Amino acid sequence: MAYKIKAYQIVTAFLLSIFVACNMGLAQEPSNANPKTLHVLFIGNSYTARHNLAQVVKAMSEAANAELSFLPTQVIYGGQTLKAHWRLGTQHIINRHCVNREQVAATIAELKTASEEDPTFKHASGGLTRMRSLLQEIENGTLDRTKWDLVVLQSYRDDLQGAQSSYMRFAPKFAELAKAQDARVLLYETTPSTQNQFPITQHQEPSAVLEKARQIAKLATQIDASVAPMSYVALQCQTSNPQVTLRFENDPHLNQTMAYLTACTIYAAIYDRSPEGVAIDSVTDIRFLNNDRDSGKDRDGKPIKKVFSKQEQAFLQTTAWRALQEFKKKFQPQ
């Protein structure tokens, strides 16, 4: 019981310090008043990094609206959850418009101690590098203080325990910081457990996917967020076309097709309109891109860049839109 009280007090004190810092007249730039510019923060792991997902969403957004400037920033830690992101200091990136030196320095000290006590602490060095860079920008007065317009929070396997999962506990913490600066929140719910590497030959049991959909819809209502419910969208895709595969055979990650379907769903969730007709026709895997292992092939030995036919584009765009509308009607009735 003492530990729970202490943890609660620490979190409460941290959020209070952020609130105070954000309201003490710190040097900060006002939110970009131009509605045709979107400052978007993507927080996640390889399910966001692979295929340059943020850039695909940017390309779709700007292709559909030539006057829009979609400006994405990513905070990526491979294999990590939102709980890990909080420990690594990602909350300070969300709060860049008012974060102060003391907050970042405290996180640096905590990460240094944690990494020394636990040499297996994954991404501690990456977190320290990011936080030290942030601290230097604060001290130099070069930190971009622009507020975010949209924050995308990616789930991973941290959403599998429903209401008890760490995603359900930490997404609201990040969302609170986003909402404090009038930023929208989008829950990007991934589906690493149900993506298929081979064509489906038998009916799938949908109960686990439907339960995830119920939980993510409940969370979205709780924090007033939009949703890209990829487990549900993938299920609809697999059901309507069993020949479509959504992950690599030799790699557990989403393949180019699933990446395109995800980008279409995120686009639809952001703008509340169908991606049908958006003139983006390709996705490039980035695992081996721009390094000495880049062979121009993906993990299955196929071209690293997949160009979709008009028919494939239409199917994936329509599937994303219809599945999202079904999700809202079934799990988020107004």
C-alpha atoms as a PDB file:
ATOM      1  CA  MET A   1       0.000   0.000   0.000  1.00  0.00           C
ATOM      2  CA  ALA A   2       2.838   2.401   0.835  1.00  0.00           C
ATOM      3  CA  TYR A   3       4.335   1.866  -2.620  1.00  0.00           C
ATOM      4  CA  LYS A   4       1.010   2.672  -4.323  1.00  0.00           C
ATOM      5  CA  ILE A   5       0.647   5.870  -2.368  1.00  0.00           C
ATOM      6  CA  LYS A   6       4.206   6.904  -3.175  1.00  0.00           C
ATOM      7  CA  ALA A   7       3.771   6.192  -6.883  1.00  0.00           C
ATOM      8  CA  TYR A   8       0.533   8.171  -6.945  1.00  0.00           C
ATOM      9  CA  GLN A   9       2.171  11.091  -5.201  1.00  0.00           C
ATOM     10  CA  ILE A  10       5.072  11.087  -7.654  1.00  0.00           C
ATOM     11  CA  VAL A  11       2.774  11.121 -10.688  1.00  0.00           C
ATOM     12  CA  THR A  12       0.549  13.792  -9.132  1.00  0.00           C
ATOM     13  CA  ALA A  13       3.550  15.968  -8.316  1.00  0.00           C
ATOM     14  CA  PHE A  14       4.914  15.565 -11.827  1.00  0.00           C
ATOM     15  CA  LEU A  15       1.637  16.557 -13.495  1.00  0.00           C
ATOM     16  CA  LEU A  16       1.292  19.491 -11.087  1.00  0.00           C
ATOM     17  CA  SER A  17       4.819  20.670 -11.946  1.00  0.00           C
ATOM     18  CA  ILE A  18       3.961  20.551 -15.629  1.00  0.00           C
ATOM     19  CA  PHE A  19       0.772  22.535 -15.060  1.00  0.00           C
ATOM     20  CA  VAL A  20       2.603  25.185 -13.058  1.00  0.00           C
ATOM     21  CA  ALA A  21       5.445  25.446 -15.562  1.00  0.00           C
ATOM     22  CA  CYS A  22       3.022  25.800 -18.438  1.00  0.00           C
ATOM     23  CA  ASN A  23       1.256  28.671 -16.748  1.00  0.00           C
ATOM     24  CA  MET A  24       4.157  30.766 -15.415  1.00  0.00           C
ATOM     25  CA  GLY A  25       4.777  32.770 -18.546  1.00  0.00           C
ATOM     26  CA  LEU A  26       7.700  30.713 -19.844  1.00  0.00           C
ATOM     27  CA  ALA A  27       9.034  31.921 -23.166  1.00  0.00           C
ATOM     28  CA  GLN A  28       6.927  30.107 -25.713  1.00  0.00           C
ATOM     29  CA  GLU A  29       5.538  30.663 -29.152  1.00  0.00           C
ATOM     30  CA  PRO A  30       1.776  30.696 -29.644  1.00  0.00           C
ATOM     31  CA  SER A  31       0.085  27.778 -31.335  1.00  0.00           C
ATOM     32  CA  ASN A  32       0.212  28.034 -35.107  1.00  0.00           C
ATOM     33  CA  ALA A  33      -2.975  29.860 -36.014  1.00  0.00           C
ATOM     34  CA  ASN A  34      -2.875  28.708 -39.633  1.00  0.00           C
ATOM     35  CA  PRO A  35      -5.524  25.970 -39.935  1.00  0.00           C
ATOM     36  CA  LYS A  36      -3.756  24.694 -43.049  1.00  0.00           C
ATOM     37  CA  THR A  37      -0.708  23.657 -41.052  1.00  0.00           C
ATOM     38  CA  LEU A  38      -0.800  20.578 -38.821  1.00  0.00           C
ATOM     39  CA  HIS A  39       1.959  19.860 -36.310  1.00  0.00           C
ATOM     40  CA  VAL A  40       1.612  16.149 -35.615  1.00  0.00           C
ATOM     41  CA  LEU A  41       3.500  14.032 -33.065  1.00  0.00           C
ATOM     42  CA  PHE A  42       3.659  10.257 -33.563  1.00  0.00           C
ATOM     43  CA  ILE A  43       4.648   8.267 -30.445  1.00  0.00           C
ATOM     44  CA  GLY A  44       5.351   4.563 -30.866  1.00  0.00           C
ATOM     45  CA  ASN A  45       7.726   1.818 -31.867  1.00  0.00           C
ATOM     46  CA  SER A  46       8.490  -0.070 -35.079  1.00  0.00           C
ATOM     47  CA  TYR A  47       4.770  -0.250 -35.892  1.00  0.00           C
ATOM     48  CA  THR A  48       5.031   3.480 -36.513  1.00  0.00           C
ATOM     49  CA  ALA A  49       8.595   3.560 -37.823  1.00  0.00           C
ATOM     50  CA  ARG A  50       8.320   0.778 -40.385  1.00  0.00           C
ATOM     51  CA  HIS A  51       7.444   2.011 -43.861  1.00  0.00           C
ATOM     52  CA  ASN A  52       7.785   5.627 -42.689  1.00  0.00           C
ATOM     53  CA  LEU A  53       4.119   5.508 -41.690  1.00  0.00           C
ATOM     54  CA  ALA A  54       4.035   9.166 -40.642  1.00  0.00           C
ATOM     55  CA  GLN A  55       5.373  10.166 -44.054  1.00  0.00           C
ATOM     56  CA  VAL A  56       2.750   8.059 -45.839  1.00  0.00           C
ATOM     57  CA  VAL A  57       0.005   9.805 -43.845  1.00  0.00           C
ATOM     58  CA  LYS A  58       1.636  13.141 -44.694  1.00  0.00           C
ATOM     59  CA  ALA A  59       1.707  12.255 -48.392  1.00  0.00           C
ATOM     60  CA  MET A  60      -1.959  11.248 -48.331  1.00  0.00           C
ATOM     61  CA  SER A  61      -2.945  14.383 -46.425  1.00  0.00           C
ATOM     62  CA  GLU A  62      -1.138  16.760 -48.749  1.00  0.00           C
ATOM     63  CA  ALA A  63      -2.222  14.891 -51.886  1.00  0.00           C
ATOM     64  CA  ALA A  64      -5.842  15.336 -50.838  1.00  0.00           C
ATOM     65  CA  ASN A  65      -5.330  19.004 -49.932  1.00  0.00           C
ATOM     66  CA  ALA A  66      -2.626  20.830 -51.857  1.00  0.00           C
ATOM     67  CA  GLU A  67      -2.824  23.804 -49.466  1.00  0.00           C
ATOM     68  CA  LEU A  68      -2.173  21.719 -46.357  1.00  0.00           C
ATOM     69  CA  SER A  69       1.252  21.495 -44.721  1.00  0.00           C
ATOM     70  CA  PHE A  70       1.369  18.307 -42.628  1.00  0.00           C
ATOM     71  CA  LEU A  71       4.424  18.447 -40.349  1.00  0.00           C
ATOM     72  CA  PRO A  72       5.083  15.110 -38.596  1.00  0.00           C
ATOM     73  CA  THR A  73       7.549  14.429 -35.788  1.00  0.00           C
ATOM     74  CA  GLN A  74       8.258  10.947 -34.439  1.00  0.00           C
ATOM     75  CA  VAL A  75       9.436   9.646 -31.083  1.00  0.00           C
ATOM     76  CA  ILE A  76      10.307   5.995 -31.670  1.00  0.00           C
ATOM     77  CA  TYR A  77      11.698   3.359 -29.306  1.00  0.00           C
ATOM     78  CA  GLY A  78      11.707  -0.109 -30.865  1.00  0.00           C
ATOM     79  CA  GLY A  79       9.547  -2.660 -29.091  1.00  0.00           C
ATOM     80  CA  GLN A  80       8.501  -0.213 -26.370  1.00  0.00           C
ATOM     81  CA  THR A  81       5.091   0.640 -24.925  1.00  0.00           C
ATOM     82  CA  LEU A  82       3.618   3.926 -23.742  1.00  0.00           C
ATOM     83  CA  LYS A  83       4.644   3.003 -20.211  1.00  0.00           C
ATOM     84  CA  ALA A  84       8.256   2.768 -21.378  1.00  0.00           C
ATOM     85  CA  HIS A  85       7.899   6.027 -23.313  1.00  0.00           C
ATOM     86  CA  TRP A  86       6.857   7.783 -20.103  1.00  0.00           C
ATOM     87  CA  ARG A  87       9.896   6.413 -18.288  1.00  0.00           C
ATOM     88  CA  LEU A  88      12.109   7.576 -21.187  1.00  0.00           C
ATOM     89  CA  GLY A  89      10.762  11.135 -21.025  1.00  0.00           C
ATOM     90  CA  THR A  90       8.510  11.314 -24.086  1.00  0.00           C
ATOM     91  CA  GLN A  91       6.010  13.343 -22.062  1.00  0.00           C
ATOM     92  CA  HIS A  92       8.481  16.250 -22.306  1.00  0.00           C
ATOM     93  CA  ILE A  93       8.315  16.103 -26.106  1.00  0.00           C
ATOM     94  CA  ILE A  94       4.534  16.376 -25.977  1.00  0.00           C
ATOM     95  CA  ASN A  95       4.966  19.283 -23.599  1.00  0.00           C
ATOM     96  CA  ARG A  96       7.680  21.061 -25.551  1.00  0.00           C
ATOM     97  CA  HIS A  97       5.751  24.336 -25.560  1.00  0.00           C
ATOM     98  CA  CYS A  98       6.326  24.774 -21.827  1.00  0.00           C
ATOM     99  CA  VAL A  99       8.745  22.126 -20.589  1.00  0.00           C
ATOM    100  CA  ASN A 100      11.492  23.548 -18.403  1.00  0.00           C
ATOM    101  CA  ARG A 101      15.091  22.741 -17.605  1.00  0.00           C
ATOM    102  CA  GLU A 102      14.366  21.261 -14.176  1.00  0.00           C
ATOM    103  CA  GLN A 103      11.858  18.727 -15.511  1.00  0.00           C
ATOM    104  CA  VAL A 104      14.193  17.446 -18.222  1.00  0.00           C
ATOM    105  CA  ALA A 105      17.215  17.411 -15.896  1.00  0.00           C
ATOM    106  CA  ALA A 106      15.262  15.313 -13.395  1.00  0.00           C
ATOM    107  CA  THR A 107      14.429  12.765 -16.093  1.00  0.00           C
ATOM    108  CA  ILE A 108      18.068  12.650 -17.187  1.00  0.00           C
ATOM    109  CA  ALA A 109      19.150  11.936 -13.608  1.00  0.00           C
ATOM    110  CA  GLU A 110      16.534   9.194 -13.260  1.00  0.00           C
ATOM    111  CA  LEU A 111      17.579   7.568 -16.543  1.00  0.00           C
ATOM    112  CA  LYS A 112      21.264   7.679 -15.594  1.00  0.00           C
ATOM    113  CA  THR A 113      20.557   5.989 -12.262  1.00  0.00           C
ATOM    114  CA  ALA A 114      18.246   3.408 -13.827  1.00  0.00           C
ATOM    115  CA  SER A 115      20.721   2.531 -16.587  1.00  0.00           C
ATOM    116  CA  GLU A 116      23.560   2.134 -14.064  1.00  0.00           C
ATOM    117  CA  GLU A 117      21.472  -0.109 -11.833  1.00  0.00           C
ATOM    118  CA  ASP A 118      20.088  -2.131 -14.731  1.00  0.00           C
ATOM    119  CA  PRO A 119      22.466  -2.610 -17.693  1.00  0.00           C
ATOM    120  CA  THR A 120      19.658  -4.391 -19.560  1.00  0.00           C
ATOM    121  CA  PHE A 121      17.417  -1.294 -19.469  1.00  0.00           C
ATOM    122  CA  LYS A 122      16.563  -1.142 -23.143  1.00  0.00           C
ATOM    123  CA  HIS A 123      16.777   2.253 -24.852  1.00  0.00           C
ATOM    124  CA  ALA A 124      18.137   4.012 -21.760  1.00  0.00           C
ATOM    125  CA  SER A 125      21.016   5.375 -23.836  1.00  0.00           C
ATOM    126  CA  GLY A 126      18.637   6.526 -26.561  1.00  0.00           C
ATOM    127  CA  GLY A 127      16.408   8.213 -24.003  1.00  0.00           C
ATOM    128  CA  LEU A 128      19.397   9.945 -22.412  1.00  0.00           C
ATOM    129  CA  THR A 129      20.576  11.193 -25.803  1.00  0.00           C
ATOM    130  CA  ARG A 130      17.136  12.564 -26.631  1.00  0.00           C
ATOM    131  CA  MET A 131      16.705  14.217 -23.231  1.00  0.00           C
ATOM    132  CA  ARG A 132      20.198  15.748 -23.281  1.00  0.00           C
ATOM    133  CA  SER A 133      19.501  17.171 -26.717  1.00  0.00           C
ATOM    134  CA  LEU A 134      16.208  18.584 -25.441  1.00  0.00           C
ATOM    135  CA  LEU A 135      17.957  20.118 -22.421  1.00  0.00           C
ATOM    136  CA  GLN A 136      20.571  21.734 -24.649  1.00  0.00           C
ATOM    137  CA  GLU A 137      17.855  23.240 -26.850  1.00  0.00           C
ATOM    138  CA  ILE A 138      16.136  24.653 -23.775  1.00  0.00           C
ATOM    139  CA  GLU A 139      19.374  26.162 -22.471  1.00  0.00           C
ATOM    140  CA  ASN A 140      20.308  27.551 -25.886  1.00  0.00           C
ATOM    141  CA  GLY A 141      16.865  28.987 -26.454  1.00  0.00           C
ATOM    142  CA  THR A 142      16.539  27.020 -29.717  1.00  0.00           C
ATOM    143  CA  LEU A 143      13.723  24.658 -28.719  1.00  0.00           C
ATOM    144  CA  ASP A 144      10.713  24.828 -31.016  1.00  0.00           C
ATOM    145  CA  ARG A 145       7.914  25.793 -28.626  1.00  0.00           C
ATOM    146  CA  THR A 146       5.103  25.326 -31.151  1.00  0.00           C
ATOM    147  CA  LYS A 147       2.128  23.475 -29.723  1.00  0.00           C
ATOM    148  CA  TRP A 148       0.989  20.215 -31.277  1.00  0.00           C
ATOM    149  CA  ASP A 149      -2.241  20.025 -33.237  1.00  0.00           C
ATOM    150  CA  LEU A 150      -2.468  16.235 -33.060  1.00  0.00           C
ATOM    151  CA  VAL A 151      -0.754  13.545 -30.986  1.00  0.00           C
ATOM    152  CA  VAL A 152      -0.873   9.925 -32.208  1.00  0.00           C
ATOM    153  CA  LEU A 153      -0.471   7.327 -29.433  1.00  0.00           C
ATOM    154  CA  GLN A 154       0.444   3.873 -30.717  1.00  0.00           C
ATOM    155  CA  SER A 155      -0.435   0.766 -28.754  1.00  0.00           C
ATOM    156  CA  TYR A 156       1.493  -2.491 -28.961  1.00  0.00           C
ATOM    157  CA  ARG A 157       1.061  -5.609 -26.869  1.00  0.00           C
ATOM    158  CA  ASP A 158       0.323  -3.345 -23.925  1.00  0.00           C
ATOM    159  CA  ASP A 159      -3.373  -3.333 -24.816  1.00  0.00           C
ATOM    160  CA  LEU A 160      -3.982  -7.077 -24.529  1.00  0.00           C
ATOM    161  CA  GLN A 161      -5.223  -7.080 -20.927  1.00  0.00           C
ATOM    162  CA  GLY A 162      -8.109  -4.750 -21.597  1.00  0.00           C
ATOM    163  CA  ALA A 163      -8.924  -2.253 -18.868  1.00  0.00           C
ATOM    164  CA  GLN A 164      -5.959  -3.439 -16.791  1.00  0.00           C
ATOM    165  CA  SER A 165      -3.393  -2.949 -19.549  1.00  0.00           C
ATOM    166  CA  SER A 166      -0.657  -0.346 -19.379  1.00  0.00           C
ATOM    167  CA  TYR A 167      -1.961   1.284 -22.576  1.00  0.00           C
ATOM    168  CA  MET A 168      -5.274   1.997 -20.864  1.00  0.00           C
ATOM    169  CA  ARG A 169      -3.369   3.546 -17.947  1.00  0.00           C
ATOM    170  CA  PHE A 170      -0.734   5.555 -19.817  1.00  0.00           C
ATOM    171  CA  ALA A 171      -2.613   6.793 -22.887  1.00  0.00           C
ATOM    172  CA  PRO A 172      -4.715   9.068 -20.616  1.00  0.00           C
ATOM    173  CA  LYS A 173      -1.535  10.527 -19.069  1.00  0.00           C
ATOM    174  CA  PHE A 174      -0.188  11.489 -22.484  1.00  0.00           C
ATOM    175  CA  ALA A 175      -3.632  12.617 -23.622  1.00  0.00           C
ATOM    176  CA  GLU A 176      -3.956  14.956 -20.633  1.00  0.00           C
ATOM    177  CA  LEU A 177      -0.796  16.800 -21.721  1.00  0.00           C
ATOM    178  CA  ALA A 178      -1.990  16.956 -25.318  1.00  0.00           C
ATOM    179  CA  LYS A 179      -5.447  18.225 -24.370  1.00  0.00           C
ATOM    180  CA  ALA A 180      -3.926  20.927 -22.149  1.00  0.00           C
ATOM    181  CA  GLN A 181      -2.555  22.556 -25.319  1.00  0.00           C
ATOM    182  CA  ASP A 182      -5.768  21.950 -27.313  1.00  0.00           C
ATOM    183  CA  ALA A 183      -4.230  19.148 -29.351  1.00  0.00           C
ATOM    184  CA  ARG A 184      -6.367  16.312 -30.635  1.00  0.00           C
ATOM    185  CA  VAL A 185      -5.467  12.744 -29.672  1.00  0.00           C
ATOM    186  CA  LEU A 186      -5.595   9.720 -31.958  1.00  0.00           C
ATOM    187  CA  LEU A 187      -5.294   6.192 -30.581  1.00  0.00           C
ATOM    188  CA  TYR A 188      -3.443   4.042 -33.121  1.00  0.00           C
ATOM    189  CA  GLU A 189      -4.295   0.519 -31.967  1.00  0.00           C
ATOM    190  CA  THR A 190      -2.039  -2.086 -33.571  1.00  0.00           C
ATOM    191  CA  THR A 191      -2.693  -5.742 -34.247  1.00  0.00           C
ATOM    192  CA  PRO A 192       0.570  -7.727 -34.018  1.00  0.00           C
ATOM    193  CA  SER A 193      -1.268 -10.841 -32.830  1.00  0.00           C
ATOM    194  CA  THR A 194      -3.727 -11.221 -35.716  1.00  0.00           C
ATOM    195  CA  GLN A 195      -1.962 -10.061 -38.879  1.00  0.00           C
ATOM    196  CA  ASN A 196      -1.698 -12.941 -41.329  1.00  0.00           C
ATOM    197  CA  GLN A 197       1.449 -13.851 -43.286  1.00  0.00           C
ATOM    198  CA  PHE A 198      -0.380 -16.406 -45.443  1.00  0.00           C
ATOM    199  CA  PRO A 199      -3.794 -16.304 -47.155  1.00  0.00           C
ATOM    200  CA  ILE A 200      -6.580 -17.276 -44.770  1.00  0.00           C
ATOM    201  CA  THR A 201      -8.129 -20.681 -45.422  1.00  0.00           C
ATOM    202  CA  GLN A 202     -10.622 -20.912 -42.552  1.00  0.00           C
ATOM    203  CA  HIS A 203     -12.991 -18.674 -40.660  1.00  0.00           C
ATOM    204  CA  GLN A 204     -11.319 -16.626 -37.947  1.00  0.00           C
ATOM    205  CA  GLU A 205     -12.519 -16.441 -34.362  1.00  0.00           C
ATOM    206  CA  PRO A 206     -13.223 -12.718 -33.905  1.00  0.00           C
ATOM    207  CA  SER A 207     -13.924 -12.611 -30.151  1.00  0.00           C
ATOM    208  CA  ALA A 208     -10.468 -11.336 -29.115  1.00  0.00           C
ATOM    209  CA  VAL A 209     -10.502  -8.644 -31.794  1.00  0.00           C
ATOM    210  CA  LEU A 210     -14.005  -7.516 -30.835  1.00  0.00           C
ATOM    211  CA  GLU A 211     -13.023  -7.302 -27.164  1.00  0.00           C
ATOM    212  CA  LYS A 212     -10.025  -5.139 -28.072  1.00  0.00           C
ATOM    213  CA  ALA A 213     -12.336  -2.949 -30.129  1.00  0.00           C
ATOM    214  CA  ARG A 214     -14.693  -2.522 -27.173  1.00  0.00           C
ATOM    215  CA  GLN A 215     -11.839  -1.581 -24.860  1.00  0.00           C
ATOM    216  CA  ILE A 216     -10.215   0.890 -27.254  1.00  0.00           C
ATOM    217  CA  ALA A 217     -13.600   2.496 -27.962  1.00  0.00           C
ATOM    218  CA  LYS A 218     -14.215   2.862 -24.224  1.00  0.00           C
ATOM    219  CA  LEU A 219     -10.817   4.488 -23.758  1.00  0.00           C
ATOM    220  CA  ALA A 220     -11.390   6.836 -26.695  1.00  0.00           C
ATOM    221  CA  THR A 221     -14.690   7.974 -25.201  1.00  0.00           C
ATOM    222  CA  GLN A 222     -13.052   8.453 -21.810  1.00  0.00           C
ATOM    223  CA  ILE A 223     -10.333  10.780 -23.140  1.00  0.00           C
ATOM    224  CA  ASP A 224     -12.232  12.206 -26.140  1.00  0.00           C
ATOM    225  CA  ALA A 225      -9.903  10.737 -28.752  1.00  0.00           C
ATOM    226  CA  SER A 226     -10.203   9.503 -32.305  1.00  0.00           C
ATOM    227  CA  VAL A 227      -9.270   5.895 -33.097  1.00  0.00           C
ATOM    228  CA  ALA A 228      -7.477   3.955 -35.820  1.00  0.00           C
ATOM    229  CA  PRO A 229      -8.665   0.482 -34.663  1.00  0.00           C
ATOM    230  CA  MET A 230      -6.336  -1.636 -36.777  1.00  0.00           C
ATOM    231  CA  SER A 231      -7.235  -5.023 -35.289  1.00  0.00           C
ATOM    232  CA  TYR A 232     -10.867  -4.454 -36.280  1.00  0.00           C
ATOM    233  CA  VAL A 233      -9.942  -2.994 -39.685  1.00  0.00           C
ATOM    234  CA  ALA A 234      -7.596  -5.914 -40.359  1.00  0.00           C
ATOM    235  CA  LEU A 235     -10.345  -8.389 -39.435  1.00  0.00           C
ATOM    236  CA  GLN A 236     -12.701  -6.772 -41.932  1.00  0.00           C
ATOM    237  CA  CYS A 237      -9.983  -6.832 -44.573  1.00  0.00           C
ATOM    238  CA  GLN A 238      -9.200 -10.514 -43.973  1.00  0.00           C
ATOM    239  CA  THR A 239     -12.885 -11.418 -43.968  1.00  0.00           C
ATOM    240  CA  SER A 240     -13.714  -9.649 -47.224  1.00  0.00           C
ATOM    241  CA  ASN A 241     -10.575 -10.802 -49.043  1.00  0.00           C
ATOM    242  CA  PRO A 242      -8.857 -13.866 -47.490  1.00  0.00           C
ATOM    243  CA  GLN A 243      -6.105 -13.745 -50.121  1.00  0.00           C
ATOM    244  CA  VAL A 244      -4.688 -10.494 -48.740  1.00  0.00           C
ATOM    245  CA  THR A 245      -1.704 -10.923 -46.403  1.00  0.00           C
ATOM    246  CA  LEU A 246      -0.941  -8.277 -43.767  1.00  0.00           C
ATOM    247  CA  ARG A 247       2.518  -9.188 -42.450  1.00  0.00           C
ATOM    248  CA  PHE A 248       5.797 -10.522 -43.781  1.00  0.00           C
ATOM    249  CA  GLU A 249       6.456 -14.261 -43.843  1.00  0.00           C
ATOM    250  CA  ASN A 250       9.977 -13.802 -42.456  1.00  0.00           C
ATOM    251  CA  ASP A 251       9.331 -10.867 -40.166  1.00  0.00           C
ATOM    252  CA  PRO A 252       6.515 -10.390 -37.608  1.00  0.00           C
ATOM    253  CA  HIS A 253       5.943  -6.779 -38.646  1.00  0.00           C
ATOM    254  CA  LEU A 254       3.194  -5.347 -40.781  1.00  0.00           C
ATOM    255  CA  ASN A 255       3.973  -5.594 -44.483  1.00  0.00           C
ATOM    256  CA  GLN A 256       3.515  -2.821 -47.043  1.00  0.00           C
ATOM    257  CA  THR A 257      -0.141  -3.722 -47.560  1.00  0.00           C
ATOM    258  CA  MET A 258      -0.937  -3.430 -43.859  1.00  0.00           C
ATOM    259  CA  ALA A 259       1.059  -0.204 -43.698  1.00  0.00           C
ATOM    260  CA  TYR A 260      -1.024   1.261 -46.537  1.00  0.00           C
ATOM    261  CA  LEU A 261      -4.250   0.087 -44.880  1.00  0.00           C
ATOM    262  CA  THR A 262      -3.080   1.649 -41.595  1.00  0.00           C
ATOM    263  CA  ALA A 263      -2.206   4.958 -43.246  1.00  0.00           C
ATOM    264  CA  CYS A 264      -5.627   5.019 -44.904  1.00  0.00           C
ATOM    265  CA  THR A 265      -7.322   4.394 -41.552  1.00  0.00           C
ATOM    266  CA  ILE A 266      -5.294   7.058 -39.754  1.00  0.00           C
ATOM    267  CA  TYR A 267      -6.098   9.503 -42.567  1.00  0.00           C
ATOM    268  CA  ALA A 268      -9.799   8.683 -42.250  1.00  0.00           C
ATOM    269  CA  ALA A 269      -9.694   9.071 -38.463  1.00  0.00           C
ATOM    270  CA  ILE A 270      -7.892  12.423 -38.622  1.00  0.00           C
ATOM    271  CA  TYR A 271     -10.153  14.070 -41.180  1.00  0.00           C
ATOM    272  CA  ASP A 272     -13.346  12.045 -40.692  1.00  0.00           C
ATOM    273  CA  ARG A 273     -13.564  11.473 -44.421  1.00  0.00           C
ATOM    274  CA  SER A 274     -12.898   8.621 -46.787  1.00  0.00           C
ATOM    275  CA  PRO A 275      -9.411   8.138 -48.230  1.00  0.00           C
ATOM    276  CA  GLU A 276     -11.012   6.807 -51.407  1.00  0.00           C
ATOM    277  CA  GLY A 277      -9.435   8.439 -54.436  1.00  0.00           C
ATOM    278  CA  VAL A 278      -6.341   9.738 -52.624  1.00  0.00           C
ATOM    279  CA  ALA A 279      -3.560   9.514 -55.208  1.00  0.00           C
ATOM    280  CA  ILE A 280      -0.815   7.789 -53.204  1.00  0.00           C
ATOM    281  CA  ASP A 281       0.035   4.416 -54.693  1.00  0.00           C
ATOM    282  CA  SER A 282       3.134   3.066 -52.938  1.00  0.00           C
ATOM    283  CA  VAL A 283       4.750   2.153 -49.629  1.00  0.00           C
ATOM    284  CA  THR A 284       8.456   1.489 -49.021  1.00  0.00           C
ATOM    285  CA  ASP A 285       9.739  -0.720 -46.218  1.00  0.00           C
ATOM    286  CA  ILE A 286      12.636   0.935 -44.368  1.00  0.00           C
ATOM    287  CA  ARG A 287      14.204  -1.869 -42.338  1.00  0.00           C
ATOM    288  CA  PHE A 288      17.266  -2.094 -44.577  1.00  0.00           C
ATOM    289  CA  LEU A 289      16.975   1.279 -46.262  1.00  0.00           C
ATOM    290  CA  ASN A 290      19.996   3.611 -46.312  1.00  0.00           C
ATOM    291  CA  ASN A 291      22.480   1.270 -44.670  1.00  0.00           C
ATOM    292  CA  ASP A 292      24.984  -1.334 -45.786  1.00  0.00           C
ATOM    293  CA  ARG A 293      22.414  -4.130 -45.578  1.00  0.00           C
ATOM    294  CA  ASP A 294      20.047  -2.471 -48.038  1.00  0.00           C
ATOM    295  CA  SER A 295      19.617  -4.937 -50.873  1.00  0.00           C
ATOM    296  CA  GLY A 296      16.539  -3.309 -52.341  1.00  0.00           C
ATOM    297  CA  LYS A 297      14.485  -6.254 -51.078  1.00  0.00           C
ATOM    298  CA  ASP A 298      12.183  -6.634 -48.117  1.00  0.00           C
ATOM    299  CA  ARG A 299      12.439  -9.464 -45.583  1.00  0.00           C
ATOM    300  CA  ASP A 300      10.541 -11.803 -47.917  1.00  0.00           C
ATOM    301  CA  GLY A 301      12.882 -11.097 -50.804  1.00  0.00           C
ATOM    302  CA  LYS A 302      10.373  -8.964 -52.673  1.00  0.00           C
ATOM    303  CA  PRO A 303      10.929  -5.354 -53.828  1.00  0.00           C
ATOM    304  CA  ILE A 304      11.305  -3.056 -50.847  1.00  0.00           C
ATOM    305  CA  LYS A 305       8.867  -0.645 -52.505  1.00  0.00           C
ATOM    306  CA  LYS A 306       5.385  -1.915 -53.256  1.00  0.00           C
ATOM    307  CA  VAL A 307       3.355  -0.046 -55.859  1.00  0.00           C
ATOM    308  CA  PHE A 308      -0.357  -0.769 -55.563  1.00  0.00           C
ATOM    309  CA  SER A 309      -2.592  -1.115 -58.563  1.00  0.00           C
ATOM    310  CA  LYS A 310      -5.681   1.066 -58.890  1.00  0.00           C
ATOM    311  CA  GLN A 311      -7.759  -1.932 -57.873  1.00  0.00           C
ATOM    312  CA  GLU A 312      -5.610  -2.600 -54.793  1.00  0.00           C
ATOM    313  CA  GLN A 313      -5.704   1.066 -53.780  1.00  0.00           C
ATOM    314  CA  ALA A 314      -9.483   1.171 -54.112  1.00  0.00           C
ATOM    315  CA  PHE A 315      -9.920  -2.003 -52.056  1.00  0.00           C
ATOM    316  CA  LEU A 316      -7.678  -0.864 -49.195  1.00  0.00           C
ATOM    317  CA  GLN A 317      -9.035   2.694 -49.131  1.00  0.00           C
ATOM    318  CA  THR A 318     -12.645   1.489 -49.160  1.00  0.00           C
ATOM    319  CA  THR A 319     -11.950  -1.170 -46.535  1.00  0.00           C
ATOM    320  CA  ALA A 320     -10.354   1.360 -44.192  1.00  0.00           C
ATOM    321  CA  TRP A 321     -13.275   3.775 -44.456  1.00  0.00           C
ATOM    322  CA  ARG A 322     -16.043   1.192 -44.182  1.00  0.00           C
ATOM    323  CA  ALA A 323     -14.393  -0.622 -41.267  1.00  0.00           C
ATOM    324  CA  LEU A 324     -13.872   2.637 -39.389  1.00  0.00           C
ATOM    325  CA  GLN A 325     -17.516   3.588 -39.869  1.00  0.00           C
ATOM    326  CA  GLU A 326     -18.624   0.135 -38.711  1.00  0.00           C
ATOM    327  CA  PHE A 327     -16.377   0.431 -35.649  1.00  0.00           C
ATOM    328  CA  LYS A 328     -17.929   3.777 -34.715  1.00  0.00           C
ATOM    329  CA  LYS A 329     -21.477   2.541 -35.246  1.00  0.00           C
ATOM    330  CA  LYS A 330     -20.952  -0.670 -33.326  1.00  0.00           C
ATOM    331  CA  PHE A 331     -18.707   0.481 -30.473  1.00  0.00           C
ATOM    332  CA  GLN A 332     -19.146   4.267 -30.290  1.00  0.00           C
ATOM    333  CA  PRO A 333     -22.864   4.925 -30.819  1.00  0.00           C
ATOM    334  CA  GLN A 334     -23.779   8.583 -30.407  1.00  0.00           C
END
